[in-house]
Structure formats: structure tokens, C-alpha cells
Amino acid sequence: MTAVLIKDAALRAELEALIAEHAYRLDMNCSENLAELYTDDGCFIAPGFACEGPDAINAYGRDRAAAKDRRVRHVCTNFRFWEDGPDQARGVCFILLFRSNGPDLTPAEPIALADAHDIYRRCPDGVWRLKERRVVLSFESAAHKSR
């Protein structure tokens, strides 16, 4: 079966805004309520961890928000979305991750390039949320491996 790509500009904008909000909350240390961006049965899976459900996703978000001495920036690009049912879509984007440790403006280094494989679901309130985000590394620096 061939995937039907989503070309509707409004829907693409909603999904890209969801991805941007996810990155913003992680980058700006305000991810305590990250589960707001997920369905009630949502999960966030990445190398080294898996969070299933709102409590686990918010616990991860709180841990990330507490890391005030670490600066990160997610640069998300190359969005591709396709239909997966009446209220569901799938997508992939590339995430370039930069990180710097310390309170000052220290040089940031690109530490990883990952593919985010997402499942989106339109919830009863009409808002699109993440049902699943699965992060798969494409490239990883030694600094990222040492986390």
C-alpha cells in the first residue's frame, strides 16, 4: 500500500507546530507538563529510555527541566507526513541536536542527528497530539554517547 502524503497546508502547519512545541519545551526547560502534547496512552521512546503514559512522560519532562546547567537545542527539519486513518497520521522529521554544558555561553556542539518517527492522533477536542514518538539515531558523537 502506498502512503498518501498529507499536502493540506493547515494540517501540516498543525503537525509542525506540535513538533516545534515539543522541542521548545525540552530546550527551554519548561517540559514539566510534556504529556500535554501526547494522547492519554501516548509513549515517547528514544535510545536509553521509554516513557509510556502521562506520568512517565511528565517525569521525564521534569528531569529535563531540572537540568539547568545543560543547554540543548533541537533543530527539526525535513518533515514528511502521511495519512493513517480518519483521525490519525504518521510522520518523520530529522532532529539535529546541539548541546552545551555550563551556565555561560559556551560553544555548542552538534552531538546527534536523529529521525523522529511519530504517530499523531486527533483527539476528541480536535487537537492533534502525539500518540507515539520514536527517536532513532542516525549519527551520534562521542559527547552524546557519554551523556
C-alpha atoms as a PDB file:
ATOM      1  CA  MET A   1       0.000   0.000   0.000  1.00  0.00           C
ATOM      2  CA  THR A   2       1.339   3.410  -0.978  1.00  0.00           C
ATOM      3  CA  ALA A   3       1.303   6.096   1.690  1.00  0.00           C
ATOM      4  CA  VAL A   4      -0.914   9.064   0.890  1.00  0.00           C
ATOM      5  CA  LEU A   5       1.150  12.127   1.680  1.00  0.00           C
ATOM      6  CA  ILE A   6      -0.533  14.965   3.538  1.00  0.00           C
ATOM      7  CA  LYS A   7      -0.422  18.095   1.406  1.00  0.00           C
ATOM      8  CA  ASP A   8      -3.076  20.127   3.246  1.00  0.00           C
ATOM      9  CA  ALA A   9      -1.198  23.213   4.431  1.00  0.00           C
ATOM     10  CA  ALA A  10      -3.315  23.742   7.548  1.00  0.00           C
ATOM     11  CA  LEU A  11      -2.858  20.178   8.773  1.00  0.00           C
ATOM     12  CA  ARG A  12       0.863  20.243   8.022  1.00  0.00           C
ATOM     13  CA  ALA A  13       1.133  23.503   9.981  1.00  0.00           C
ATOM     14  CA  GLU A  14      -0.641  21.939  12.987  1.00  0.00           C
ATOM     15  CA  LEU A  15       1.672  18.936  12.997  1.00  0.00           C
ATOM     16  CA  GLU A  16       4.794  21.077  12.554  1.00  0.00           C
ATOM     17  CA  ALA A  17       3.622  23.332  15.408  1.00  0.00           C
ATOM     18  CA  LEU A  18       3.238  20.258  17.644  1.00  0.00           C
ATOM     19  CA  ILE A  19       6.794  19.169  16.811  1.00  0.00           C
ATOM     20  CA  ALA A  20       8.094  22.694  17.459  1.00  0.00           C
ATOM     21  CA  GLU A  21       6.288  22.917  20.814  1.00  0.00           C
ATOM     22  CA  HIS A  22       7.769  19.577  21.883  1.00  0.00           C
ATOM     23  CA  ALA A  23      11.289  20.797  21.058  1.00  0.00           C
ATOM     24  CA  TYR A  24      10.676  24.213  22.658  1.00  0.00           C
ATOM     25  CA  ARG A  25       9.592  22.730  25.976  1.00  0.00           C
ATOM     26  CA  LEU A  26      12.656  20.497  26.131  1.00  0.00           C
ATOM     27  CA  ASP A  27      15.030  23.260  25.023  1.00  0.00           C
ATOM     28  CA  MET A  28      13.699  25.976  27.321  1.00  0.00           C
ATOM     29  CA  ASN A  29      13.478  23.878  30.496  1.00  0.00           C
ATOM     30  CA  CYS A  30       9.692  24.068  30.652  1.00  0.00           C
ATOM     31  CA  SER A  31       8.858  20.432  29.957  1.00  0.00           C
ATOM     32  CA  GLU A  32       7.248  19.556  33.311  1.00  0.00           C
ATOM     33  CA  ASN A  33       3.934  19.001  31.527  1.00  0.00           C
ATOM     34  CA  LEU A  34       5.283  17.431  28.348  1.00  0.00           C
ATOM     35  CA  ALA A  35       2.476  14.852  28.444  1.00  0.00           C
ATOM     36  CA  GLU A  36       0.018  17.603  27.435  1.00  0.00           C
ATOM     37  CA  LEU A  37       1.357  17.089  23.921  1.00  0.00           C
ATOM     38  CA  TYR A  38       0.587  13.341  23.989  1.00  0.00           C
ATOM     39  CA  THR A  39      -2.556  11.257  23.964  1.00  0.00           C
ATOM     40  CA  ASP A  40      -3.515   9.624  27.268  1.00  0.00           C
ATOM     41  CA  ASP A  41      -1.977   6.361  26.028  1.00  0.00           C
ATOM     42  CA  GLY A  42       0.993   8.082  24.405  1.00  0.00           C
ATOM     43  CA  CYS A  43       4.609   6.989  24.566  1.00  0.00           C
ATOM     44  CA  PHE A  44       7.997   8.583  23.994  1.00  0.00           C
ATOM     45  CA  ILE A  45      10.768   6.158  23.066  1.00  0.00           C
ATOM     46  CA  ALA A  46      14.403   7.068  22.468  1.00  0.00           C
ATOM     47  CA  PRO A  47      17.783   5.383  22.875  1.00  0.00           C
ATOM     48  CA  GLY A  48      18.209   4.619  26.557  1.00  0.00           C
ATOM     49  CA  PHE A  49      14.656   5.244  27.738  1.00  0.00           C
ATOM     50  CA  ALA A  50      10.981   4.671  27.122  1.00  0.00           C
ATOM     51  CA  CYS A  51       8.144   6.629  28.706  1.00  0.00           C
ATOM     52  CA  GLU A  52       4.624   5.284  28.475  1.00  0.00           C
ATOM     53  CA  GLY A  53       1.665   7.270  29.740  1.00  0.00           C
ATOM     54  CA  PRO A  54       1.336  10.779  31.143  1.00  0.00           C
ATOM     55  CA  ASP A  55       3.052  10.132  34.481  1.00  0.00           C
ATOM     56  CA  ALA A  56       6.192   8.696  32.903  1.00  0.00           C
ATOM     57  CA  ILE A  57       6.324  11.365  30.181  1.00  0.00           C
ATOM     58  CA  ASN A  58       5.912  14.169  32.729  1.00  0.00           C
ATOM     59  CA  ALA A  59       8.571  12.586  34.996  1.00  0.00           C
ATOM     60  CA  TYR A  60      10.979  12.633  32.048  1.00  0.00           C
ATOM     61  CA  GLY A  61       9.980  16.245  31.337  1.00  0.00           C
ATOM     62  CA  ARG A  62      10.590  17.260  34.962  1.00  0.00           C
ATOM     63  CA  ASP A  63      14.049  15.656  34.892  1.00  0.00           C
ATOM     64  CA  ARG A  64      14.898  17.506  31.686  1.00  0.00           C
ATOM     65  CA  ALA A  65      13.563  20.815  33.022  1.00  0.00           C
ATOM     66  CA  ALA A  66      15.689  20.455  36.159  1.00  0.00           C
ATOM     67  CA  ALA A  67      18.927  20.229  34.136  1.00  0.00           C
ATOM     68  CA  LYS A  68      19.514  23.988  34.175  1.00  0.00           C
ATOM     69  CA  ASP A  69      23.283  23.674  33.617  1.00  0.00           C
ATOM     70  CA  ARG A  70      22.780  21.941  30.273  1.00  0.00           C
ATOM     71  CA  ARG A  71      21.671  23.840  27.191  1.00  0.00           C
ATOM     72  CA  VAL A  72      20.187  21.954  24.298  1.00  0.00           C
ATOM     73  CA  ARG A  73      18.586  22.965  21.049  1.00  0.00           C
ATOM     74  CA  HIS A  74      16.637  20.710  18.748  1.00  0.00           C
ATOM     75  CA  VAL A  75      16.617  21.779  15.106  1.00  0.00           C
ATOM     76  CA  CYS A  76      13.784  19.941  13.367  1.00  0.00           C
ATOM     77  CA  THR A  77      13.552  19.715   9.587  1.00  0.00           C
ATOM     78  CA  ASN A  78      12.602  17.602   6.549  1.00  0.00           C
ATOM     79  CA  PHE A  79       9.019  16.964   7.632  1.00  0.00           C
ATOM     80  CA  ARG A  80       7.077  14.225   5.869  1.00  0.00           C
ATOM     81  CA  PHE A  81       3.518  13.342   6.875  1.00  0.00           C
ATOM     82  CA  TRP A  82       1.087  10.773   5.550  1.00  0.00           C
ATOM     83  CA  GLU A  83      -2.468   9.675   6.260  1.00  0.00           C
ATOM     84  CA  ASP A  84      -3.072   6.750   8.588  1.00  0.00           C
ATOM     85  CA  GLY A  85      -6.838   6.764   9.045  1.00  0.00           C
ATOM     86  CA  PRO A  86      -9.507   9.401   9.601  1.00  0.00           C
ATOM     87  CA  ASP A  87      -8.058  10.841  12.824  1.00  0.00           C
ATOM     88  CA  GLN A  88      -4.515   9.549  12.653  1.00  0.00           C
ATOM     89  CA  ALA A  89      -1.396  10.478  10.740  1.00  0.00           C
ATOM     90  CA  ARG A  90       2.212   9.398  10.715  1.00  0.00           C
ATOM     91  CA  GLY A  91       5.291  11.429  10.132  1.00  0.00           C
ATOM     92  CA  VAL A  92       9.020  11.612  10.236  1.00  0.00           C
ATOM     93  CA  CYS A  93      11.368  14.520  10.702  1.00  0.00           C
ATOM     94  CA  PHE A  94      15.081  14.910  11.242  1.00  0.00           C
ATOM     95  CA  ILE A  95      16.351  16.359  14.509  1.00  0.00           C
ATOM     96  CA  LEU A  96      19.801  17.882  14.794  1.00  0.00           C
ATOM     97  CA  LEU A  97      20.716  18.168  18.471  1.00  0.00           C
ATOM     98  CA  PHE A  98      23.158  20.751  19.808  1.00  0.00           C
ATOM     99  CA  ARG A  99      24.340  20.734  23.422  1.00  0.00           C
ATOM    100  CA  SER A 100      26.469  22.875  25.693  1.00  0.00           C
ATOM    101  CA  ASN A 101      27.217  22.294  29.368  1.00  0.00           C
ATOM    102  CA  GLY A 102      27.643  25.113  31.843  1.00  0.00           C
ATOM    103  CA  PRO A 103      25.861  28.334  32.731  1.00  0.00           C
ATOM    104  CA  ASP A 104      27.781  30.593  30.350  1.00  0.00           C
ATOM    105  CA  LEU A 105      27.592  30.931  26.601  1.00  0.00           C
ATOM    106  CA  THR A 106      29.956  28.116  25.811  1.00  0.00           C
ATOM    107  CA  PRO A 107      30.335  26.758  22.302  1.00  0.00           C
ATOM    108  CA  ALA A 108      27.619  24.325  21.374  1.00  0.00           C
ATOM    109  CA  GLU A 109      28.495  21.207  19.507  1.00  0.00           C
ATOM    110  CA  PRO A 110      26.261  19.180  17.246  1.00  0.00           C
ATOM    111  CA  ILE A 111      26.046  15.910  19.123  1.00  0.00           C
ATOM    112  CA  ALA A 112      23.447  13.842  17.280  1.00  0.00           C
ATOM    113  CA  LEU A 113      21.237  13.567  14.249  1.00  0.00           C
ATOM    114  CA  ALA A 114      18.104  11.525  14.742  1.00  0.00           C
ATOM    115  CA  ASP A 115      14.958  10.583  12.898  1.00  0.00           C
ATOM    116  CA  ALA A 116      11.740  11.111  14.849  1.00  0.00           C
ATOM    117  CA  HIS A 117       9.099   8.618  13.764  1.00  0.00           C
ATOM    118  CA  ASP A 118       5.755   9.913  15.004  1.00  0.00           C
ATOM    119  CA  ILE A 119       2.162   8.773  15.164  1.00  0.00           C
ATOM    120  CA  TYR A 120      -0.288  11.663  15.575  1.00  0.00           C
ATOM    121  CA  ARG A 121      -3.893  11.384  16.627  1.00  0.00           C
ATOM    122  CA  ARG A 122      -6.659  13.977  16.508  1.00  0.00           C
ATOM    123  CA  CYS A 123      -8.238  13.858  19.960  1.00  0.00           C
ATOM    124  CA  PRO A 124     -11.959  14.382  20.706  1.00  0.00           C
ATOM    125  CA  ASP A 125     -11.235  18.074  21.459  1.00  0.00           C
ATOM    126  CA  GLY A 126      -9.984  18.446  17.869  1.00  0.00           C
ATOM    127  CA  VAL A 127      -6.338  18.914  18.896  1.00  0.00           C
ATOM    128  CA  TRP A 128      -3.610  16.823  17.276  1.00  0.00           C
ATOM    129  CA  ARG A 129      -1.323  15.120  19.803  1.00  0.00           C
ATOM    130  CA  LEU A 130       1.481  12.608  19.719  1.00  0.00           C
ATOM    131  CA  LYS A 131       0.375   9.004  20.152  1.00  0.00           C
ATOM    132  CA  GLU A 132       3.964   7.856  19.783  1.00  0.00           C
ATOM    133  CA  ARG A 133       7.346   9.436  19.235  1.00  0.00           C
ATOM    134  CA  ARG A 134      10.154   7.001  18.476  1.00  0.00           C
ATOM    135  CA  VAL A 135      13.587   8.601  18.137  1.00  0.00           C
ATOM    136  CA  VAL A 136      16.153   6.655  16.126  1.00  0.00           C
ATOM    137  CA  LEU A 137      19.747   7.861  15.972  1.00  0.00           C
ATOM    138  CA  SER A 138      21.328   8.273  12.544  1.00  0.00           C
ATOM    139  CA  PHE A 139      24.609   9.811  13.745  1.00  0.00           C
ATOM    140  CA  GLU A 140      25.966  10.177  17.254  1.00  0.00           C
ATOM    141  CA  SER A 141      29.047  11.939  18.635  1.00  0.00           C
ATOM    142  CA  ALA A 142      31.188  10.661  21.487  1.00  0.00           C
ATOM    143  CA  ALA A 143      29.853  13.543  23.614  1.00  0.00           C
ATOM    144  CA  HIS A 144      26.289  12.327  23.123  1.00  0.00           C
ATOM    145  CA  LYS A 145      27.231   8.758  23.988  1.00  0.00           C
ATOM    146  CA  SER A 146      28.707   9.959  27.285  1.00  0.00           C
ATOM    147  CA  ARG A 147      25.565  11.963  28.164  1.00  0.00           C
END
